[in-house]
């Protein structure tokens, strides 16, 4: 084989390899872009839900401040706890 034929073969093989690697990189980037878009959507949903949780906790705090005694009595009944007054009176 002469030098020109070897050089042509080398450049042909190199071109095919570069094209193959470029296609693999393009496909990988496509998947990365899709994953990042999904992450952006999830992040937005988490942000929205987080703000709703903050609002719920705030309204719960306001309710507890307004109706603290009623809420405390309700939670005591729900949890089945006895107040210290009842146990002191039994002794």
PDB file of N, CA and C in Angstrom:
ATOM      1  N   UNK A   1       0.840  -1.179   0.000  1.00  0.00           N
ATOM      2  CA  UNK A   1       0.000   0.000   0.000  1.00  0.00           C
ATOM      3  C   UNK A   1       0.881   1.236   0.000  1.00  0.00           C
ATOM      4  N   UNK A   2       0.518   2.156  -0.808  1.00  0.00           N
ATOM      5  CA  UNK A   2       1.324   3.377  -0.827  1.00  0.00           C
ATOM      6  C   UNK A   2       0.804   4.357   0.223  1.00  0.00           C
ATOM      7  N   UNK A   3       1.503   5.419   0.427  1.00  0.00           N
ATOM      8  CA  UNK A   3       1.211   6.380   1.492  1.00  0.00           C
ATOM      9  C   UNK A   3      -0.122   7.082   1.279  1.00  0.00           C
ATOM     10  N   UNK A   4      -0.495   7.358   0.043  1.00  0.00           N
ATOM     11  CA  UNK A   4      -1.749   8.065  -0.236  1.00  0.00           C
ATOM     12  C   UNK A   4      -2.942   7.190   0.155  1.00  0.00           C
ATOM     13  N   UNK A   5      -2.891   5.918  -0.151  1.00  0.00           N
ATOM     14  CA  UNK A   5      -3.979   5.006   0.189  1.00  0.00           C
ATOM     15  C   UNK A   5      -4.107   4.864   1.701  1.00  0.00           C
ATOM     16  N   UNK A   6      -2.980   4.781   2.387  1.00  0.00           N
ATOM     17  CA  UNK A   6      -3.009   4.700   3.848  1.00  0.00           C
ATOM     18  C   UNK A   6      -3.589   5.971   4.449  1.00  0.00           C
ATOM     19  N   UNK A   7      -3.216   7.116   3.936  1.00  0.00           N
ATOM     20  CA  UNK A   7      -3.729   8.383   4.445  1.00  0.00           C
ATOM     21  C   UNK A   7      -5.235   8.491   4.197  1.00  0.00           C
ATOM     22  N   UNK A   8      -5.696   8.092   3.006  1.00  0.00           N
ATOM     23  CA  UNK A   8      -7.127   8.126   2.710  1.00  0.00           C
ATOM     24  C   UNK A   8      -7.904   7.209   3.654  1.00  0.00           C
ATOM     25  N   UNK A   9      -7.379   6.020   3.900  1.00  0.00           N
ATOM     26  CA  UNK A   9      -8.026   5.078   4.811  1.00  0.00           C
ATOM     27  C   UNK A   9      -8.083   5.655   6.222  1.00  0.00           C
ATOM     28  N   UNK A  10      -6.985   6.234   6.688  1.00  0.00           N
ATOM     29  CA  UNK A  10      -6.938   6.832   8.010  1.00  0.00           C
ATOM     30  C   UNK A  10      -7.980   7.946   8.142  1.00  0.00           C
ATOM     31  N   UNK A  11      -8.049   8.836   7.155  1.00  0.00           N
ATOM     32  CA  UNK A  11      -8.993   9.945   7.231  1.00  0.00           C
ATOM     33  C   UNK A  11     -10.443   9.457   7.143  1.00  0.00           C
ATOM     34  N   UNK A  12     -10.706   8.425   6.373  1.00  0.00           N
ATOM     35  CA  UNK A  12     -12.050   7.864   6.283  1.00  0.00           C
ATOM     36  C   UNK A  12     -12.475   7.272   7.630  1.00  0.00           C
ATOM     37  N   UNK A  13     -11.610   6.463   8.219  1.00  0.00           N
ATOM     38  CA  UNK A  13     -11.910   5.837   9.515  1.00  0.00           C
ATOM     39  C   UNK A  13     -12.073   6.907  10.594  1.00  0.00           C
ATOM     40  N   UNK A  14     -11.224   7.908  10.573  1.00  0.00           N
ATOM     41  CA  UNK A  14     -11.307   8.996  11.551  1.00  0.00           C
ATOM     42  C   UNK A  14     -12.610   9.766  11.391  1.00  0.00           C
ATOM     43  N   UNK A  15     -13.033  10.018  10.168  1.00  0.00           N
ATOM     44  CA  UNK A  15     -14.278  10.730   9.921  1.00  0.00           C
ATOM     45  C   UNK A  15     -15.474   9.940  10.439  1.00  0.00           C
ATOM     46  N   UNK A  16     -15.495   8.647  10.174  1.00  0.00           N
ATOM     47  CA  UNK A  16     -16.593   7.802  10.651  1.00  0.00           C
ATOM     48  C   UNK A  16     -16.628   7.807  12.178  1.00  0.00           C
ATOM     49  N   UNK A  17     -15.467   7.706  12.820  1.00  0.00           N
ATOM     50  CA  UNK A  17     -15.405   7.703  14.279  1.00  0.00           C
ATOM     51  C   UNK A  17     -15.888   9.037  14.854  1.00  0.00           C
ATOM     52  N   UNK A  18     -15.490  10.147  14.251  1.00  0.00           N
ATOM     53  CA  UNK A  18     -15.908  11.462  14.731  1.00  0.00           C
ATOM     54  C   UNK A  18     -17.410  11.631  14.584  1.00  0.00           C
ATOM     55  N   UNK A  19     -17.964  11.190  13.467  1.00  0.00           N
ATOM     56  CA  UNK A  19     -19.410  11.289  13.260  1.00  0.00           C
ATOM     57  C   UNK A  19     -20.147  10.424  14.282  1.00  0.00           C
ATOM     58  N   UNK A  20     -19.658   9.217  14.534  1.00  0.00           N
ATOM     59  CA  UNK A  20     -20.299   8.331  15.503  1.00  0.00           C
ATOM     60  C   UNK A  20     -20.267   8.943  16.905  1.00  0.00           C
ATOM     61  N   UNK A  21     -19.128   9.477  17.309  1.00  0.00           N
ATOM     62  CA  UNK A  21     -19.012  10.109  18.629  1.00  0.00           C
ATOM     63  C   UNK A  21     -19.925  11.333  18.710  1.00  0.00           C
ATOM     64  N   UNK A  22     -20.002  12.114  17.639  1.00  0.00           N
ATOM     65  CA  UNK A  22     -20.862  13.296  17.626  1.00  0.00           C
ATOM     66  C   UNK A  22     -22.332  12.897  17.788  1.00  0.00           C
ATOM     67  N   UNK A  23     -22.761  11.826  17.122  1.00  0.00           N
ATOM     68  CA  UNK A  23     -24.137  11.352  17.258  1.00  0.00           C
ATOM     69  C   UNK A  23     -24.423  10.894  18.690  1.00  0.00           C
ATOM     70  N   UNK A  24     -23.475  10.197  19.278  1.00  0.00           N
ATOM     71  CA  UNK A  24     -23.652   9.743  20.665  1.00  0.00           C
ATOM     72  C   UNK A  24     -23.766  10.940  21.604  1.00  0.00           C
ATOM     73  N   UNK A  25     -22.947  11.955  21.394  1.00  0.00           N
ATOM     74  CA  UNK A  25     -22.992  13.158  22.233  1.00  0.00           C
ATOM     75  C   UNK A  25     -24.322  13.883  22.053  1.00  0.00           C
ATOM     76  N   UNK A  26     -24.816  13.969  20.819  1.00  0.00           N
ATOM     77  CA  UNK A  26     -26.089  14.642  20.564  1.00  0.00           C
ATOM     78  C   UNK A  26     -27.228  13.897  21.256  1.00  0.00           C
ATOM     79  N   UNK A  27     -27.250  12.582  21.168  1.00  0.00           N
ATOM     80  CA  UNK A  27     -28.303  11.797  21.827  1.00  0.00           C
ATOM     81  C   UNK A  27     -28.211  11.969  23.346  1.00  0.00           C
ATOM     82  N   UNK A  28     -27.005  11.925  23.898  1.00  0.00           N
ATOM     83  CA  UNK A  28     -26.831  12.102  25.344  1.00  0.00           C
ATOM     84  C   UNK A  28     -27.301  13.487  25.778  1.00  0.00           C
ATOM     85  N   UNK A  29     -26.974  14.513  25.020  1.00  0.00           N
ATOM     86  CA  UNK A  29     -27.433  15.864  25.354  1.00  0.00           C
ATOM     87  C   UNK A  29     -28.954  15.981  25.280  1.00  0.00           C
ATOM     88  N   UNK A  30     -29.548  15.300  24.313  1.00  0.00           N
ATOM     89  CA  UNK A  30     -31.001  15.311  24.194  1.00  0.00           C
ATOM     90  C   UNK A  30     -31.639  14.757  25.469  1.00  0.00           C
ATOM     91  N   UNK A  31     -31.111  13.627  25.963  1.00  0.00           N
ATOM     92  CA  UNK A  31     -31.647  13.048  27.188  1.00  0.00           C
ATOM     93  C   UNK A  31     -31.382  13.949  28.395  1.00  0.00           C
ATOM     94  N   UNK A  32     -30.238  14.569  28.458  1.00  0.00           N
ATOM     95  CA  UNK A  32     -29.927  15.480  29.562  1.00  0.00           C
ATOM     96  C   UNK A  32     -30.882  16.666  29.557  1.00  0.00           C
ATOM     97  N   UNK A  33     -31.180  17.201  28.394  1.00  0.00           N
ATOM     98  CA  UNK A  33     -32.105  18.331  28.294  1.00  0.00           C
ATOM     99  C   UNK A  33     -33.503  17.916  28.756  1.00  0.00           C
ATOM    100  N   UNK A  34     -33.939  16.733  28.364  1.00  0.00           N
ATOM    101  CA  UNK A  34     -35.257  16.253  28.798  1.00  0.00           C
ATOM    102  C   UNK A  34     -35.296  16.050  30.308  1.00  0.00           C
ATOM    103  N   UNK A  35     -34.234  15.506  30.875  1.00  0.00           N
ATOM    104  CA  UNK A  35     -34.171  15.309  32.324  1.00  0.00           C
ATOM    105  C   UNK A  35     -34.204  16.652  33.049  1.00  0.00           C
ATOM    106  N   UNK A  36     -33.458  17.623  32.546  1.00  0.00           N
ATOM    107  CA  UNK A  36     -33.453  18.946  33.170  1.00  0.00           C
ATOM    108  C   UNK A  36     -34.828  19.612  33.094  1.00  0.00           C
ATOM    109  N   UNK A  37     -35.543  19.400  31.993  1.00  0.00           N
ATOM    110  CA  UNK A  37     -36.895  19.954  31.878  1.00  0.00           C
ATOM    111  C   UNK A  37     -37.824  19.306  32.907  1.00  0.00           C
ATOM    112  N   UNK A  38     -37.703  17.998  33.094  1.00  0.00           N
ATOM    113  CA  UNK A  38     -38.506  17.316  34.115  1.00  0.00           C
ATOM    114  C   UNK A  38     -38.169  17.831  35.508  1.00  0.00           C
ATOM    115  N   UNK A  39     -36.900  18.042  35.775  1.00  0.00           N
ATOM    116  CA  UNK A  39     -36.477  18.551  37.081  1.00  0.00           C
ATOM    117  C   UNK A  39     -37.035  19.956  37.297  1.00  0.00           C
ATOM    118  N   UNK A  40     -37.050  20.766  36.257  1.00  0.00           N
ATOM    119  CA  UNK A  40     -37.616  22.116  36.377  1.00  0.00           C
ATOM    120  C   UNK A  40     -39.102  22.041  36.728  1.00  0.00           C
ATOM    121  N   UNK A  41     -39.831  21.132  36.078  1.00  0.00           N
ATOM    122  CA  UNK A  41     -41.257  20.977  36.382  1.00  0.00           C
ATOM    123  C   UNK A  41     -41.482  20.518  37.814  1.00  0.00           C
ATOM    124  N   UNK A  42     -40.679  19.535  38.260  1.00  0.00           N
ATOM    125  CA  UNK A  42     -40.798  19.064  39.633  1.00  0.00           C
ATOM    126  C   UNK A  42     -40.455  20.162  40.627  1.00  0.00           C
ATOM    127  N   UNK A  43     -39.445  20.937  40.314  1.00  0.00           N
ATOM    128  CA  UNK A  43     -39.049  22.033  41.198  1.00  0.00           C
ATOM    129  C   UNK A  43     -40.174  23.043  41.337  1.00  0.00           C
ATOM    130  N   UNK A  44     -40.844  23.343  40.237  1.00  0.00           N
ATOM    131  CA  UNK A  44     -41.965  24.291  40.284  1.00  0.00           C
ATOM    132  C   UNK A  44     -43.104  23.734  41.132  1.00  0.00           C
ATOM    133  N   UNK A  45     -43.413  22.442  40.962  1.00  0.00           N
ATOM    134  CA  UNK A  45     -44.472  21.830  41.762  1.00  0.00           C
ATOM    135  C   UNK A  45     -44.119  21.841  43.245  1.00  0.00           C
ATOM    136  N   UNK A  46     -42.869  21.531  43.567  1.00  0.00           N
ATOM    137  CA  UNK A  46     -42.439  21.530  44.960  1.00  0.00           C
ATOM    138  C   UNK A  46     -42.528  22.930  45.547  1.00  0.00           C
ATOM    139  N   UNK A  47     -42.150  23.919  44.766  1.00  0.00           N
ATOM    140  CA  UNK A  47     -42.225  25.311  45.233  1.00  0.00           C
ATOM    141  C   UNK A  47     -43.670  25.704  45.510  1.00  0.00           C
ATOM    142  N   UNK A  48     -44.577  25.366  44.598  1.00  0.00           N
ATOM    143  CA  UNK A  48     -45.986  25.697  44.779  1.00  0.00           C
ATOM    144  C   UNK A  48     -46.570  24.989  46.005  1.00  0.00           C
ATOM    145  N   UNK A  49     -46.295  23.710  46.144  1.00  0.00           N
ATOM    146  CA  UNK A  49     -46.802  22.952  47.283  1.00  0.00           C
ATOM    147  C   UNK A  49     -46.198  23.464  48.586  1.00  0.00           C
ATOM    148  N   UNK A  50     -44.940  23.838  48.559  1.00  0.00           N
ATOM    149  CA  UNK A  50     -44.295  24.373  49.754  1.00  0.00           C
ATOM    150  C   UNK A  50     -44.948  25.658  50.213  1.00  0.00           C
ATOM    151  N   UNK A  51     -45.282  26.522  49.279  1.00  0.00           N
ATOM    152  CA  UNK A  51     -45.942  27.776  49.660  1.00  0.00           C
ATOM    153  C   UNK A  51     -47.337  27.501  50.213  1.00  0.00           C
ATOM    154  N   UNK A  52     -48.026  26.491  49.691  1.00  0.00           N
ATOM    155  CA  UNK A  52     -49.336  26.132  50.231  1.00  0.00           C
ATOM    156  C   UNK A  52     -49.214  25.576  51.641  1.00  0.00           C
ATOM    157  N   UNK A  53     -48.173  24.791  51.902  1.00  0.00           N
ATOM    158  CA  UNK A  53     -47.955  24.254  53.248  1.00  0.00           C
ATOM    159  C   UNK A  53     -47.688  25.399  54.216  1.00  0.00           C
ATOM    160  N   UNK A  54     -46.902  26.370  53.787  1.00  0.00           N
ATOM    161  CA  UNK A  54     -46.623  27.524  54.642  1.00  0.00           C
ATOM    162  C   UNK A  54     -47.922  28.268  54.959  1.00  0.00           C
ATOM    163  N   UNK A  55     -48.780  28.447  53.970  1.00  0.00           N
ATOM    164  CA  UNK A  55     -50.064  29.105  54.207  1.00  0.00           C
ATOM    165  C   UNK A  55     -50.929  28.309  55.181  1.00  0.00           C
ATOM    166  N   UNK A  56     -50.954  26.979  55.021  1.00  0.00           N
ATOM    167  CA  UNK A  56     -51.738  26.134  55.921  1.00  0.00           C
ATOM    168  C   UNK A  56     -51.227  26.226  57.354  1.00  0.00           C
ATOM    169  N   UNK A  57     -49.929  26.182  57.529  1.00  0.00           N
ATOM    170  CA  UNK A  57     -49.349  26.270  58.862  1.00  0.00           C
ATOM    171  C   UNK A  57     -49.644  27.635  59.468  1.00  0.00           C
ATOM    172  N   UNK A  58     -49.580  28.674  58.643  1.00  0.00           N
ATOM    173  CA  UNK A  58     -49.887  30.011  59.141  1.00  0.00           C
ATOM    174  C   UNK A  58     -51.342  30.093  59.609  1.00  0.00           C
ATOM    175  N   UNK A  59     -52.265  29.571  58.807  1.00  0.00           N
ATOM    176  CA  UNK A  59     -53.672  29.615  59.215  1.00  0.00           C
ATOM    177  C   UNK A  59     -53.900  28.760  60.458  1.00  0.00           C
ATOM    178  N   UNK A  60     -53.182  27.651  60.596  1.00  0.00           N
ATOM    179  CA  UNK A  60     -53.289  26.826  61.794  1.00  0.00           C
ATOM    180  C   UNK A  60     -52.794  27.593  63.015  1.00  0.00           C
ATOM    181  N   UNK A  61     -51.698  28.317  62.869  1.00  0.00           N
ATOM    182  CA  UNK A  61     -51.173  29.116  63.979  1.00  0.00           C
ATOM    183  C   UNK A  61     -52.163  30.204  64.379  1.00  0.00           C
ATOM    184  N   UNK A  62     -52.777  30.849  63.389  1.00  0.00           N
ATOM    185  CA  UNK A  62     -53.761  31.893  63.679  1.00  0.00           C
ATOM    186  C   UNK A  62     -54.944  31.284  64.424  1.00  0.00           C
ATOM    187  N   UNK A  63     -55.411  30.125  63.976  1.00  0.00           N
ATOM    188  CA  UNK A  63     -56.537  29.463  64.629  1.00  0.00           C
ATOM    189  C   UNK A  63     -56.185  29.075  66.057  1.00  0.00           C
ATOM    190  N   UNK A  64     -55.007  28.549  66.253  1.00  0.00           N
ATOM    191  CA  UNK A  64     -54.587  28.151  67.597  1.00  0.00           C
ATOM    192  C   UNK A  64     -54.484  29.372  68.504  1.00  0.00           C
ATOM    193  N   UNK A  65     -53.992  30.480  67.977  1.00  0.00           N
ATOM    194  CA  UNK A  65     -53.901  31.693  68.785  1.00  0.00           C
ATOM    195  C   UNK A  65     -55.285  32.204  69.158  1.00  0.00           C
ATOM    196  N   UNK A  66     -56.243  32.138  68.221  1.00  0.00           N
ATOM    197  CA  UNK A  66     -57.587  32.631  68.490  1.00  0.00           C
ATOM    198  C   UNK A  66     -58.341  31.714  69.441  1.00  0.00           C
ATOM    199  N   UNK A  67     -58.224  30.436  69.213  1.00  0.00           N
ATOM    200  CA  UNK A  67     -59.019  29.466  69.963  1.00  0.00           C
ATOM    201  C   UNK A  67     -58.102  28.490  70.691  1.00  0.00           C
ATOM    202  N   UNK A  68     -57.119  28.991  71.360  1.00  0.00           N
ATOM    203  CA  UNK A  68     -56.115  28.150  72.000  1.00  0.00           C
ATOM    204  C   UNK A  68     -56.682  27.165  72.991  1.00  0.00           C
ATOM    205  N   UNK A  69     -57.527  27.614  73.883  1.00  0.00           N
ATOM    206  CA  UNK A  69     -58.089  26.733  74.917  1.00  0.00           C
ATOM    207  C   UNK A  69     -58.949  25.652  74.293  1.00  0.00           C
ATOM    208  N   UNK A  70     -59.805  26.033  73.359  1.00  0.00           N
ATOM    209  CA  UNK A  70     -60.666  25.046  72.696  1.00  0.00           C
ATOM    210  C   UNK A  70     -59.831  24.010  71.962  1.00  0.00           C
ATOM    211  N   UNK A  71     -58.811  24.475  71.249  1.00  0.00           N
ATOM    212  CA  UNK A  71     -57.960  23.568  70.482  1.00  0.00           C
ATOM    213  C   UNK A  71     -57.184  22.651  71.409  1.00  0.00           C
ATOM    214  N   UNK A  72     -56.684  23.200  72.513  1.00  0.00           N
ATOM    215  CA  UNK A  72     -55.958  22.383  73.482  1.00  0.00           C
ATOM    216  C   UNK A  72     -56.851  21.315  74.076  1.00  0.00           C
ATOM    217  N   UNK A  73     -58.078  21.674  74.443  1.00  0.00           N
ATOM    218  CA  UNK A  73     -59.020  20.694  74.978  1.00  0.00           C
ATOM    219  C   UNK A  73     -59.355  19.630  73.938  1.00  0.00           C
ATOM    220  N   UNK A  74     -59.529  20.059  72.710  1.00  0.00           N
ATOM    221  CA  UNK A  74     -59.833  19.114  71.631  1.00  0.00           C
ATOM    222  C   UNK A  74     -58.687  18.125  71.441  1.00  0.00           C
ATOM    223  N   UNK A  75     -57.470  18.638  71.381  1.00  0.00           N
ATOM    224  CA  UNK A  75     -56.316  17.752  71.212  1.00  0.00           C
ATOM    225  C   UNK A  75     -56.158  16.826  72.406  1.00  0.00           C
ATOM    226  N   UNK A  76     -56.452  17.313  73.594  1.00  0.00           N
ATOM    227  CA  UNK A  76     -56.371  16.465  74.792  1.00  0.00           C
ATOM    228  C   UNK A  76     -57.365  15.322  74.689  1.00  0.00           C
ATOM    229  N   UNK A  77     -58.581  15.619  74.246  1.00  0.00           N
ATOM    230  CA  UNK A  77     -59.585  14.553  74.088  1.00  0.00           C
ATOM    231  C   UNK A  77     -59.197  13.580  72.985  1.00  0.00           C
ATOM    232  N   UNK A  78     -58.682  14.097  71.884  1.00  0.00           N
ATOM    233  CA  UNK A  78     -58.315  13.238  70.757  1.00  0.00           C
ATOM    234  C   UNK A  78     -57.179  12.295  71.148  1.00  0.00           C
ATOM    235  N   UNK A  79     -56.177  12.838  71.794  1.00  0.00           N
ATOM    236  CA  UNK A  79     -55.008  12.040  72.159  1.00  0.00           C
ATOM    237  C   UNK A  79     -55.237  11.197  73.401  1.00  0.00           C
ATOM    238  N   UNK A  80     -56.337  11.426  74.098  1.00  0.00           N
ATOM    239  CA  UNK A  80     -56.647  10.636  75.273  1.00  0.00           C
ATOM    240  C   UNK A  80     -55.782  10.996  76.468  1.00  0.00           C
ATOM    241  N   UNK A  81     -55.298  12.200  76.507  1.00  0.00           N
ATOM    242  CA  UNK A  81     -54.465  12.644  77.617  1.00  0.00           C
ATOM    243  C   UNK A  81     -55.345  13.161  78.738  1.00  0.00           C
ATOM    244  N   UNK A  82     -54.877  12.997  79.946  1.00  0.00           N
ATOM    245  CA  UNK A  82     -55.589  13.551  81.082  1.00  0.00           C
ATOM    246  C   UNK A  82     -54.851  14.783  81.546  1.00  0.00           C
ATOM    247  N   UNK A  83     -55.600  15.745  81.981  1.00  0.00           N
ATOM    248  CA  UNK A  83     -54.946  16.955  82.482  1.00  0.00           C
ATOM    249  C   UNK A  83     -54.425  16.691  83.885  1.00  0.00           C
ATOM    250  N   UNK A  84     -53.492  17.520  84.353  1.00  0.00           N
ATOM    251  CA  UNK A  84     -52.914  17.373  85.679  1.00  0.00           C
ATOM    252  C   UNK A  84     -53.941  17.632  86.781  1.00  0.00           C
ATOM    253  N   UNK A  85     -54.964  18.423  86.532  1.00  0.00           N
ATOM    254  CA  UNK A  85     -55.984  18.729  87.514  1.00  0.00           C
ATOM    255  C   UNK A  85     -56.743  17.464  87.927  1.00  0.00           C
ATOM    256  N   UNK A  86     -57.080  16.627  86.971  1.00  0.00           N
ATOM    257  CA  UNK A  86     -57.841  15.429  87.270  1.00  0.00           C
ATOM    258  C   UNK A  86     -57.018  14.461  88.098  1.00  0.00           C
ATOM    259  N   UNK A  87     -55.730  14.324  87.767  1.00  0.00           N
ATOM    260  CA  UNK A  87     -54.912  13.369  88.523  1.00  0.00           C
ATOM    261  C   UNK A  87     -54.617  13.881  89.917  1.00  0.00           C
ATOM    262  N   UNK A  88     -54.536  15.184  90.121  1.00  0.00           N
ATOM    263  CA  UNK A  88     -54.283  15.742  91.448  1.00  0.00           C
ATOM    264  C   UNK A  88     -55.511  15.582  92.327  1.00  0.00           C
ATOM    265  N   UNK A  89     -56.709  15.736  91.762  1.00  0.00           N
ATOM    266  CA  UNK A  89     -57.934  15.630  92.541  1.00  0.00           C
ATOM    267  C   UNK A  89     -58.195  14.205  92.995  1.00  0.00           C
ATOM    268  N   UNK A  90     -57.741  13.206  92.271  1.00  0.00           N
ATOM    269  CA  UNK A  90     -57.963  11.819  92.634  1.00  0.00           C
ATOM    270  C   UNK A  90     -57.122  11.423  93.837  1.00  0.00           C
ATOM    271  N   UNK A  91     -55.992  12.051  94.072  1.00  0.00           N
ATOM    272  CA  UNK A  91     -55.113  11.700  95.182  1.00  0.00           C
ATOM    273  C   UNK A  91     -55.656  12.231  96.440  1.00  0.00           C
TER     274      UNK A  91
END
